[in-house]
Protein backbone atom coordinates (compact mmCIF):
# COMPACT_ATOMS: atom_id res chain seq x y z
CA MET A 1 8.23 5.29 16.08
CA LEU A 2 6.69 2.62 13.88
CA LEU A 3 8.13 -0.85 13.59
CA ILE A 4 7.54 -2.26 10.12
CA LYS A 5 8.01 -5.90 9.20
CA CYS A 6 9.68 -6.39 5.84
CA PRO A 7 8.14 -9.51 4.27
CA TYR A 8 11.42 -10.25 2.46
CA CYS A 9 13.86 -9.77 5.37
CA GLU A 10 11.24 -11.25 7.72
CA GLU A 11 12.07 -8.95 10.61
CA GLU A 12 10.69 -5.77 12.15
CA ARG A 13 12.77 -2.67 11.59
CA SER A 14 12.46 1.02 12.40
CA GLU A 15 10.31 3.13 10.09
CA LEU A 16 13.45 5.16 9.34
CA GLU A 17 14.62 2.30 7.10
CA PHE A 18 11.51 2.51 4.91
CA HIS A 19 9.96 4.89 2.40
CA ALA A 20 6.25 5.07 1.61
CA ALA A 21 5.58 4.78 -2.12
CA GLY A 22 1.86 5.55 -2.39
CA GLU A 23 -1.32 3.59 -2.85
CA ALA A 24 -1.08 -0.09 -3.76
CA HIS A 25 -3.14 -2.18 -6.20
CA ILE A 26 -3.84 0.65 -8.63
CA ALA A 27 -5.44 -0.51 -11.88
CA ARG A 28 -3.16 0.79 -14.62
CA PRO A 29 -4.43 1.40 -18.17
CA GLU A 30 -3.42 -1.32 -20.64
CA ASN A 31 -2.48 1.16 -23.36
CA ILE A 32 -1.82 4.53 -21.78
CA ALA A 33 -1.42 6.22 -25.17
CA ASP A 34 -5.08 5.54 -25.99
CA ILE A 35 -6.68 7.17 -22.93
CA SER A 36 -7.94 10.74 -22.74
CA ASP A 37 -6.07 13.51 -20.93
CA GLU A 38 -8.75 13.52 -18.23
CA ALA A 39 -8.49 9.75 -17.72
CA PHE A 40 -4.69 10.03 -17.56
CA ALA A 41 -4.90 12.82 -14.97
CA ASP A 42 -7.28 10.70 -12.87
CA TYR A 43 -4.96 7.68 -13.09
CA PHE A 44 -1.71 9.58 -12.48
CA PHE A 45 -2.66 12.20 -9.89
CA LEU A 46 -5.81 11.16 -8.00
CA ARG A 47 -5.55 8.76 -5.08
CA ASP A 48 -7.87 7.70 -2.28
CA ASN A 49 -7.20 9.27 1.10
CA PRO A 50 -9.60 7.41 3.38
CA LYS A 51 -10.04 7.49 7.10
CA GLY A 52 -9.37 3.89 8.10
CA LEU A 53 -7.59 1.04 6.36
CA ILE A 54 -5.59 1.68 3.22
CA PHE A 55 -3.35 -0.50 1.06
CA GLU A 56 0.05 1.10 0.45
CA ARG A 57 3.34 0.30 -1.26
CA TRP A 58 6.50 0.66 0.80
CA ARG A 59 10.19 0.20 0.04
CA HIS A 60 12.83 -1.09 2.45
CA MET A 61 15.35 1.57 1.46
CA ASN A 62 18.05 0.85 4.06
CA GLY A 63 17.65 -2.92 3.96
CA CYS A 64 16.91 -5.24 1.06
CA GLY A 65 15.67 -2.37 -1.16
CA ARG A 66 12.56 -4.27 -2.26
CA PHE A 67 9.00 -2.99 -2.61
CA PHE A 68 6.17 -4.58 -0.62
CA ASN A 69 2.56 -3.83 0.29
CA ALA A 70 1.18 -2.88 3.69
CA VAL A 71 -2.27 -2.52 5.22
CA ARG A 72 -2.20 0.63 7.38
CA ASP A 73 -4.84 2.35 9.49
CA THR A 74 -4.71 6.07 8.71
CA VAL A 75 -6.32 6.95 12.05
CA SER A 76 -3.91 5.13 14.37
CA ASP A 77 -1.01 4.91 11.84
CA LYS A 78 -0.68 1.24 12.79
CA ILE A 79 0.53 -1.16 10.12
CA HIS A 80 -1.58 -4.31 10.50
CA LEU A 81 -0.05 -6.47 7.80
CA THR A 82 2.75 -6.49 5.23
CA TYR A 83 3.05 -8.80 2.24
CA LYS A 84 5.25 -9.19 -0.83
CA ALA A 85 4.69 -7.12 -3.96
CA GLY A 86 2.85 -9.08 -6.62
CA GLU A 87 0.81 -11.08 -4.13
CA PRO A 88 -2.98 -10.65 -4.28
CA LYS A 89 -4.61 -7.94 -2.23
CA ALA A 90 -4.80 -9.07 1.39
CA ASP A 91 -8.14 -10.09 2.88
CA VAL A 92 -8.47 -7.70 5.84
CA SER A 93 -11.40 -9.61 7.32
CA ALA A 94 -8.99 -12.44 8.15
CA PHE A 95 -7.22 -10.40 10.83
CA LEU A 96 -9.67 -7.53 11.49
CA PRO A 97 -13.16 -9.05 11.49
CA ASN A 98 -14.96 -5.75 12.13
CA ALA A 99 -12.90 -3.67 9.72
CA VAL A 100 -14.33 -1.98 6.67
CA GLU A 101 -11.96 -1.87 3.72
CA LYS A 102 -11.71 1.67 2.37
CA GLY A 103 -8.42 2.02 0.51
CA ALA A 104 -7.41 1.14 -3.03
CA SER A 105 -10.95 1.15 -4.34
CA LYS A 106 -9.98 2.07 -7.88
């Protein structure tokens, strides 16, 4: 079982209290009505699925209910860092000096 630290509640809780909400830091079109159908399909449906570190959005469903971002390793399933939604993308080199960032490249 994973223990996930909610950056708002500031405590580690069981993964059963959380819900994954997809890739974080996705660049959204400024005026979605002006983009082509192909560009909309790419934006809405296509996501990275890397082997290694990825930036994800999570929600503390059975706690504060707030969304936050997490840096997770898709190989080990370990969550290395969580931070509040709206904060800039975390610098993974600060805590994993040999890591190669792969997720949220769009």
